[in-house]
Amino acid sequence: MNIGLACLLGYFFGSLPFAVIVSRIFGLADPRSFGSGNPGATNVLRSGNKWAALLTLLGDAGKGWLAIFVATKVGAGETAIAATGLAAFLGHVFPVTLGFKGGKGVATALGVLLGFSLVLGGWVAAVWVLVAMVTRYSSLAALAAAASAPFIAMLSHEQIEIVLAVAVMSVVLVYRHRLNIQKLRAGTESRLGEKRVSQPPENSSDN
């Protein structure tokens, strides 16, 4: 598999908007119309439907993992696999299906990391869970996981192509959470489980 085909494959999987699809199936409001306005699992959770949020999380993570799985099965090399994962992540963040205005990519990034390596994905997920449990801030958990991911990749002895792809995803994730960083510093960031359906989008950041 060449790099161009790998990128197309990854982007195709990544651009599937599970937050919107699941919300329609459950008869919920479009996640882009309330809360942070972000088409991700955390914002779907603000609708009050935990099952919809869980399915969105699984779908967003699953598409990242599936892209890597398919690339691996067709015999892609390390560079093509790394490109597939990065493209899947960028497909979620900048999906053509939603006018290039997608989610922040946390769940999809996790799926990609699990596709790269269960050890890598597992440790990064553990960082997210620990910070989320202690603080109840999804954004802070995402920032902590993003910051730790490249170092975990290096400590896990991943190939340099994988480490570079992880580093790029981490930088994009931190950048996409820049508004959350401001809110965290101001003490106005929303916590996990808060319902904000009646409020207009704030252009904030979740998953």
C-alpha atoms as a PDB file:
ATOM      1  CA  MET A   1       0.000   0.000   0.000  1.00  0.00           C
ATOM      2  CA  ASN A   2       1.461   3.371  -1.002  1.00  0.00           C
ATOM      3  CA  ILE A   3       1.301   6.451   1.213  1.00  0.00           C
ATOM      4  CA  GLY A   4      -1.369   8.200  -0.854  1.00  0.00           C
ATOM      5  CA  LEU A   5      -3.753   5.249  -0.704  1.00  0.00           C
ATOM      6  CA  ALA A   6      -3.066   4.846   3.004  1.00  0.00           C
ATOM      7  CA  CYS A   7      -3.990   8.470   3.639  1.00  0.00           C
ATOM      8  CA  LEU A   8      -7.204   8.142   1.628  1.00  0.00           C
ATOM      9  CA  LEU A   9      -8.150   5.006   3.534  1.00  0.00           C
ATOM     10  CA  GLY A  10      -7.519   6.610   6.898  1.00  0.00           C
ATOM     11  CA  TYR A  11      -9.290   9.840   6.027  1.00  0.00           C
ATOM     12  CA  PHE A  12     -12.352   7.953   4.772  1.00  0.00           C
ATOM     13  CA  PHE A  13     -12.742   6.089   8.055  1.00  0.00           C
ATOM     14  CA  GLY A  14     -11.974   9.143  10.160  1.00  0.00           C
ATOM     15  CA  SER A  15     -14.510  11.375   8.433  1.00  0.00           C
ATOM     16  CA  LEU A  16     -17.483   9.193   9.449  1.00  0.00           C
ATOM     17  CA  PRO A  17     -19.408  11.515  11.872  1.00  0.00           C
ATOM     18  CA  PHE A  18     -20.611   9.072  14.508  1.00  0.00           C
ATOM     19  CA  ALA A  19     -21.803  11.806  16.896  1.00  0.00           C
ATOM     20  CA  VAL A  20     -24.246  13.067  14.279  1.00  0.00           C
ATOM     21  CA  ILE A  21     -25.226   9.584  13.070  1.00  0.00           C
ATOM     22  CA  VAL A  22     -25.886   8.218  16.560  1.00  0.00           C
ATOM     23  CA  SER A  23     -27.779  11.341  17.631  1.00  0.00           C
ATOM     24  CA  ARG A  24     -30.112  10.983  14.649  1.00  0.00           C
ATOM     25  CA  ILE A  25     -30.700   7.315  15.391  1.00  0.00           C
ATOM     26  CA  PHE A  26     -31.635   8.150  18.992  1.00  0.00           C
ATOM     27  CA  GLY A  27     -33.764  11.109  17.938  1.00  0.00           C
ATOM     28  CA  LEU A  28     -31.523  13.597  19.751  1.00  0.00           C
ATOM     29  CA  ALA A  29     -30.623  17.135  18.802  1.00  0.00           C
ATOM     30  CA  ASP A  30     -27.655  17.584  16.500  1.00  0.00           C
ATOM     31  CA  PRO A  31     -24.617  17.778  18.841  1.00  0.00           C
ATOM     32  CA  ARG A  32     -23.407  20.779  16.879  1.00  0.00           C
ATOM     33  CA  SER A  33     -26.445  22.743  18.094  1.00  0.00           C
ATOM     34  CA  PHE A  34     -25.828  22.694  21.858  1.00  0.00           C
ATOM     35  CA  GLY A  35     -23.171  22.611  24.549  1.00  0.00           C
ATOM     36  CA  SER A  36     -19.736  23.098  23.038  1.00  0.00           C
ATOM     37  CA  GLY A  37     -21.112  22.530  19.534  1.00  0.00           C
ATOM     38  CA  ASN A  38     -18.540  19.792  19.133  1.00  0.00           C
ATOM     39  CA  PRO A  39     -19.554  16.546  17.327  1.00  0.00           C
ATOM     40  CA  GLY A  40     -17.961  14.265  19.886  1.00  0.00           C
ATOM     41  CA  ALA A  41     -18.914  11.832  22.646  1.00  0.00           C
ATOM     42  CA  THR A  42     -18.555  14.302  25.515  1.00  0.00           C
ATOM     43  CA  ASN A  43     -20.973  16.739  23.943  1.00  0.00           C
ATOM     44  CA  VAL A  44     -23.444  13.953  23.115  1.00  0.00           C
ATOM     45  CA  LEU A  45     -23.291  13.048  26.809  1.00  0.00           C
ATOM     46  CA  ARG A  46     -24.637  16.524  27.579  1.00  0.00           C
ATOM     47  CA  SER A  47     -27.876  15.460  25.897  1.00  0.00           C
ATOM     48  CA  GLY A  48     -28.423  13.211  28.900  1.00  0.00           C
ATOM     49  CA  ASN A  49     -28.375   9.994  26.865  1.00  0.00           C
ATOM     50  CA  LYS A  50     -25.454   7.925  28.134  1.00  0.00           C
ATOM     51  CA  TRP A  51     -26.042   5.107  25.630  1.00  0.00           C
ATOM     52  CA  ALA A  52     -25.785   7.533  22.715  1.00  0.00           C
ATOM     53  CA  ALA A  53     -22.602   8.973  24.178  1.00  0.00           C
ATOM     54  CA  LEU A  54     -21.134   5.494  24.667  1.00  0.00           C
ATOM     55  CA  LEU A  55     -21.945   4.444  21.104  1.00  0.00           C
ATOM     56  CA  THR A  56     -20.421   7.674  19.802  1.00  0.00           C
ATOM     57  CA  LEU A  57     -17.274   7.026  21.812  1.00  0.00           C
ATOM     58  CA  LEU A  58     -17.036   3.450  20.533  1.00  0.00           C
ATOM     59  CA  GLY A  59     -17.706   4.550  16.959  1.00  0.00           C
ATOM     60  CA  ASP A  60     -15.123   7.334  17.012  1.00  0.00           C
ATOM     61  CA  ALA A  61     -12.493   5.116  18.623  1.00  0.00           C
ATOM     62  CA  GLY A  62     -13.447   2.137  16.485  1.00  0.00           C
ATOM     63  CA  LYS A  63     -12.986   3.926  13.185  1.00  0.00           C
ATOM     64  CA  GLY A  64      -9.424   4.873  14.152  1.00  0.00           C
ATOM     65  CA  TRP A  65      -8.633   1.304  15.149  1.00  0.00           C
ATOM     66  CA  LEU A  66     -10.338  -0.149  12.060  1.00  0.00           C
ATOM     67  CA  ALA A  67      -8.323   2.041   9.703  1.00  0.00           C
ATOM     68  CA  ILE A  68      -5.100   0.655  11.178  1.00  0.00           C
ATOM     69  CA  PHE A  69      -6.467  -2.892  11.165  1.00  0.00           C
ATOM     70  CA  VAL A  70      -7.325  -2.720   7.455  1.00  0.00           C
ATOM     71  CA  ALA A  71      -3.974  -1.160   6.558  1.00  0.00           C
ATOM     72  CA  THR A  72      -2.178  -3.902   8.473  1.00  0.00           C
ATOM     73  CA  LYS A  73      -4.207  -6.668   6.839  1.00  0.00           C
ATOM     74  CA  VAL A  74      -3.379  -5.474   3.334  1.00  0.00           C
ATOM     75  CA  GLY A  75       0.317  -5.559   4.130  1.00  0.00           C
ATOM     76  CA  ALA A  76       1.100  -1.878   4.673  1.00  0.00           C
ATOM     77  CA  GLY A  77       4.548  -1.013   5.985  1.00  0.00           C
ATOM     78  CA  GLU A  78       5.270   1.043   9.107  1.00  0.00           C
ATOM     79  CA  THR A  79       5.255   4.367   7.234  1.00  0.00           C
ATOM     80  CA  ALA A  80       1.939   3.617   5.512  1.00  0.00           C
ATOM     81  CA  ILE A  81       0.397   2.436   8.792  1.00  0.00           C
ATOM     82  CA  ALA A  82       1.538   5.620  10.544  1.00  0.00           C
ATOM     83  CA  ALA A  83       0.118   7.683   7.672  1.00  0.00           C
ATOM     84  CA  THR A  84      -3.181   5.801   7.862  1.00  0.00           C
ATOM     85  CA  GLY A  85      -3.529   6.514  11.569  1.00  0.00           C
ATOM     86  CA  LEU A  86      -2.679  10.189  11.228  1.00  0.00           C
ATOM     87  CA  ALA A  87      -5.088  10.556   8.304  1.00  0.00           C
ATOM     88  CA  ALA A  88      -7.891   8.879  10.264  1.00  0.00           C
ATOM     89  CA  PHE A  89      -7.345  11.321  13.121  1.00  0.00           C
ATOM     90  CA  LEU A  90      -7.309  14.319  10.768  1.00  0.00           C
ATOM     91  CA  GLY A  91     -10.398  12.951   9.033  1.00  0.00           C
ATOM     92  CA  HIS A  92     -12.270  13.174  12.330  1.00  0.00           C
ATOM     93  CA  VAL A  93     -10.969  16.657  13.120  1.00  0.00           C
ATOM     94  CA  PHE A  94     -11.465  18.009   9.580  1.00  0.00           C
ATOM     95  CA  PRO A  95     -14.162  15.787   7.999  1.00  0.00           C
ATOM     96  CA  VAL A  96     -15.377  16.598   4.512  1.00  0.00           C
ATOM     97  CA  THR A  97     -18.758  15.190   5.600  1.00  0.00           C
ATOM     98  CA  LEU A  98     -19.238  18.070   8.083  1.00  0.00           C
ATOM     99  CA  GLY A  99     -17.687  20.876   6.093  1.00  0.00           C
ATOM    100  CA  PHE A 100     -14.263  20.224   7.662  1.00  0.00           C
ATOM    101  CA  LYS A 101     -15.609  21.158  11.121  1.00  0.00           C
ATOM    102  CA  GLY A 102     -15.271  18.000  13.179  1.00  0.00           C
ATOM    103  CA  GLY A 103     -14.516  16.911  16.714  1.00  0.00           C
ATOM    104  CA  LYS A 104     -11.336  17.339  18.654  1.00  0.00           C
ATOM    105  CA  GLY A 105     -10.187  13.793  17.951  1.00  0.00           C
ATOM    106  CA  VAL A 106      -9.574  12.379  21.429  1.00  0.00           C
ATOM    107  CA  ALA A 107     -11.551   9.144  20.954  1.00  0.00           C
ATOM    108  CA  THR A 108     -10.326   8.654  17.397  1.00  0.00           C
ATOM    109  CA  ALA A 109      -6.741   9.258  18.496  1.00  0.00           C
ATOM    110  CA  LEU A 110      -7.187   6.582  21.163  1.00  0.00           C
ATOM    111  CA  GLY A 111      -8.488   4.139  18.562  1.00  0.00           C
ATOM    112  CA  VAL A 112      -5.488   4.870  16.365  1.00  0.00           C
ATOM    113  CA  LEU A 113      -3.097   4.366  19.277  1.00  0.00           C
ATOM    114  CA  LEU A 114      -4.726   1.038  20.123  1.00  0.00           C
ATOM    115  CA  GLY A 115      -4.310   0.077  16.482  1.00  0.00           C
ATOM    116  CA  PHE A 116      -0.638   0.956  16.627  1.00  0.00           C
ATOM    117  CA  SER A 117      -0.111  -0.945  19.896  1.00  0.00           C
ATOM    118  CA  LEU A 118      -2.350  -2.160  22.712  1.00  0.00           C
ATOM    119  CA  VAL A 119       0.340  -1.201  25.208  1.00  0.00           C
ATOM    120  CA  LEU A 120       0.630   2.331  23.816  1.00  0.00           C
ATOM    121  CA  GLY A 121      -3.117   2.857  23.647  1.00  0.00           C
ATOM    122  CA  GLY A 122      -3.683   1.273  27.032  1.00  0.00           C
ATOM    123  CA  TRP A 123      -1.241   3.503  28.883  1.00  0.00           C
ATOM    124  CA  VAL A 124      -2.513   6.668  27.219  1.00  0.00           C
ATOM    125  CA  ALA A 125      -6.095   5.653  28.029  1.00  0.00           C
ATOM    126  CA  ALA A 126      -5.052   5.088  31.640  1.00  0.00           C
ATOM    127  CA  VAL A 127      -3.734   8.640  31.825  1.00  0.00           C
ATOM    128  CA  TRP A 128      -7.034   9.984  30.463  1.00  0.00           C
ATOM    129  CA  VAL A 129      -9.141   7.920  32.866  1.00  0.00           C
ATOM    130  CA  LEU A 130      -7.061   8.854  35.908  1.00  0.00           C
ATOM    131  CA  VAL A 131      -7.170  12.589  35.227  1.00  0.00           C
ATOM    132  CA  ALA A 132     -10.872  12.491  34.281  1.00  0.00           C
ATOM    133  CA  MET A 133     -11.783  10.601  37.461  1.00  0.00           C
ATOM    134  CA  VAL A 134      -9.859  12.983  39.703  1.00  0.00           C
ATOM    135  CA  THR A 135     -10.875  16.276  38.061  1.00  0.00           C
ATOM    136  CA  ARG A 136     -14.042  15.437  36.056  1.00  0.00           C
ATOM    137  CA  TYR A 137     -12.653  17.642  33.297  1.00  0.00           C
ATOM    138  CA  SER A 138     -12.694  15.871  29.937  1.00  0.00           C
ATOM    139  CA  SER A 139     -10.536  18.566  28.367  1.00  0.00           C
ATOM    140  CA  LEU A 140      -7.862  18.395  31.070  1.00  0.00           C
ATOM    141  CA  ALA A 141      -7.784  14.608  30.760  1.00  0.00           C
ATOM    142  CA  ALA A 142      -7.382  14.951  26.988  1.00  0.00           C
ATOM    143  CA  LEU A 143      -4.551  17.446  27.384  1.00  0.00           C
ATOM    144  CA  ALA A 144      -2.743  15.209  29.870  1.00  0.00           C
ATOM    145  CA  ALA A 145      -3.142  12.173  27.607  1.00  0.00           C
ATOM    146  CA  ALA A 146      -1.981  14.125  24.555  1.00  0.00           C
ATOM    147  CA  ALA A 147       1.082  15.463  26.361  1.00  0.00           C
ATOM    148  CA  SER A 148       2.083  12.009  27.589  1.00  0.00           C
ATOM    149  CA  ALA A 149       1.405  10.067  24.372  1.00  0.00           C
ATOM    150  CA  PRO A 150       4.661  10.788  22.458  1.00  0.00           C
ATOM    151  CA  PHE A 151       6.754   9.926  25.533  1.00  0.00           C
ATOM    152  CA  ILE A 152       4.805   6.718  26.101  1.00  0.00           C
ATOM    153  CA  ALA A 153       5.331   5.854  22.431  1.00  0.00           C
ATOM    154  CA  MET A 154       9.083   6.300  22.822  1.00  0.00           C
ATOM    155  CA  LEU A 155       9.192   4.348  26.081  1.00  0.00           C
ATOM    156  CA  SER A 156       7.203   1.582  24.359  1.00  0.00           C
ATOM    157  CA  HIS A 157       9.937   1.416  21.693  1.00  0.00           C
ATOM    158  CA  GLU A 158       7.570   2.164  18.822  1.00  0.00           C
ATOM    159  CA  GLN A 159       8.971   2.738  15.344  1.00  0.00           C
ATOM    160  CA  ILE A 160      10.024   6.327  14.608  1.00  0.00           C
ATOM    161  CA  GLU A 161       7.190   6.690  12.063  1.00  0.00           C
ATOM    162  CA  ILE A 162       4.654   5.845  14.753  1.00  0.00           C
ATOM    163  CA  VAL A 163       6.263   8.195  17.284  1.00  0.00           C
ATOM    164  CA  LEU A 164       6.165  11.059  14.775  1.00  0.00           C
ATOM    165  CA  ALA A 165       2.500  10.391  13.922  1.00  0.00           C
ATOM    166  CA  VAL A 166       1.635  10.336  17.629  1.00  0.00           C
ATOM    167  CA  ALA A 167       3.524  13.598  18.164  1.00  0.00           C
ATOM    168  CA  VAL A 168       1.638  15.332  15.363  1.00  0.00           C
ATOM    169  CA  MET A 169      -1.700  14.135  16.739  1.00  0.00           C
ATOM    170  CA  SER A 170      -0.728  15.394  20.187  1.00  0.00           C
ATOM    171  CA  VAL A 171       0.142  18.846  18.887  1.00  0.00           C
ATOM    172  CA  VAL A 172      -3.153  19.101  17.003  1.00  0.00           C
ATOM    173  CA  LEU A 173      -5.097  17.912  20.053  1.00  0.00           C
ATOM    174  CA  VAL A 174      -3.514  20.532  22.299  1.00  0.00           C
ATOM    175  CA  TYR A 175      -4.145  23.242  19.709  1.00  0.00           C
ATOM    176  CA  ARG A 176      -7.780  22.216  19.330  1.00  0.00           C
ATOM    177  CA  HIS A 177      -8.194  22.518  23.101  1.00  0.00           C
ATOM    178  CA  ARG A 178      -6.795  26.036  23.292  1.00  0.00           C
ATOM    179  CA  LEU A 179     -10.178  27.510  24.305  1.00  0.00           C
ATOM    180  CA  ASN A 180     -10.502  24.876  27.010  1.00  0.00           C
ATOM    181  CA  ILE A 181      -7.103  25.850  28.372  1.00  0.00           C
ATOM    182  CA  GLN A 182      -8.360  29.409  28.734  1.00  0.00           C
ATOM    183  CA  LYS A 183     -11.528  28.198  30.474  1.00  0.00           C
ATOM    184  CA  LEU A 184      -9.600  25.895  32.779  1.00  0.00           C
ATOM    185  CA  ARG A 185      -7.426  28.806  33.843  1.00  0.00           C
ATOM    186  CA  ALA A 186     -10.511  30.965  34.367  1.00  0.00           C
ATOM    187  CA  GLY A 187     -12.366  28.239  36.269  1.00  0.00           C
ATOM    188  CA  THR A 188     -15.296  28.265  33.835  1.00  0.00           C
ATOM    189  CA  GLU A 189     -14.732  24.941  32.071  1.00  0.00           C
ATOM    190  CA  SER A 190     -17.667  22.512  32.222  1.00  0.00           C
ATOM    191  CA  ARG A 191     -17.295  19.142  33.880  1.00  0.00           C
ATOM    192  CA  LEU A 192     -18.248  15.678  32.662  1.00  0.00           C
ATOM    193  CA  GLY A 193     -21.964  14.915  32.909  1.00  0.00           C
ATOM    194  CA  GLU A 194     -23.232  18.494  32.868  1.00  0.00           C
ATOM    195  CA  LYS A 195     -26.307  19.026  30.690  1.00  0.00           C
ATOM    196  CA  ARG A 196     -26.241  22.087  28.492  1.00  0.00           C
ATOM    197  CA  VAL A 197     -28.666  21.224  25.697  1.00  0.00           C
ATOM    198  CA  SER A 198     -30.601  24.469  26.028  1.00  0.00           C
ATOM    199  CA  GLN A 199     -27.514  26.627  25.483  1.00  0.00           C
ATOM    200  CA  PRO A 200     -26.154  27.586  22.060  1.00  0.00           C
ATOM    201  CA  PRO A 201     -22.812  26.221  20.914  1.00  0.00           C
ATOM    202  CA  GLU A 202     -19.780  27.767  22.582  1.00  0.00           C
ATOM    203  CA  ASN A 203     -17.180  26.570  20.085  1.00  0.00           C
ATOM    204  CA  SER A 204     -15.394  24.833  22.918  1.00  0.00           C
ATOM    205  CA  SER A 205     -13.685  21.459  22.853  1.00  0.00           C
ATOM    206  CA  ASP A 206     -14.495  17.951  23.897  1.00  0.00           C
ATOM    207  CA  ASN A 207     -13.782  14.647  22.190  1.00  0.00           C
END
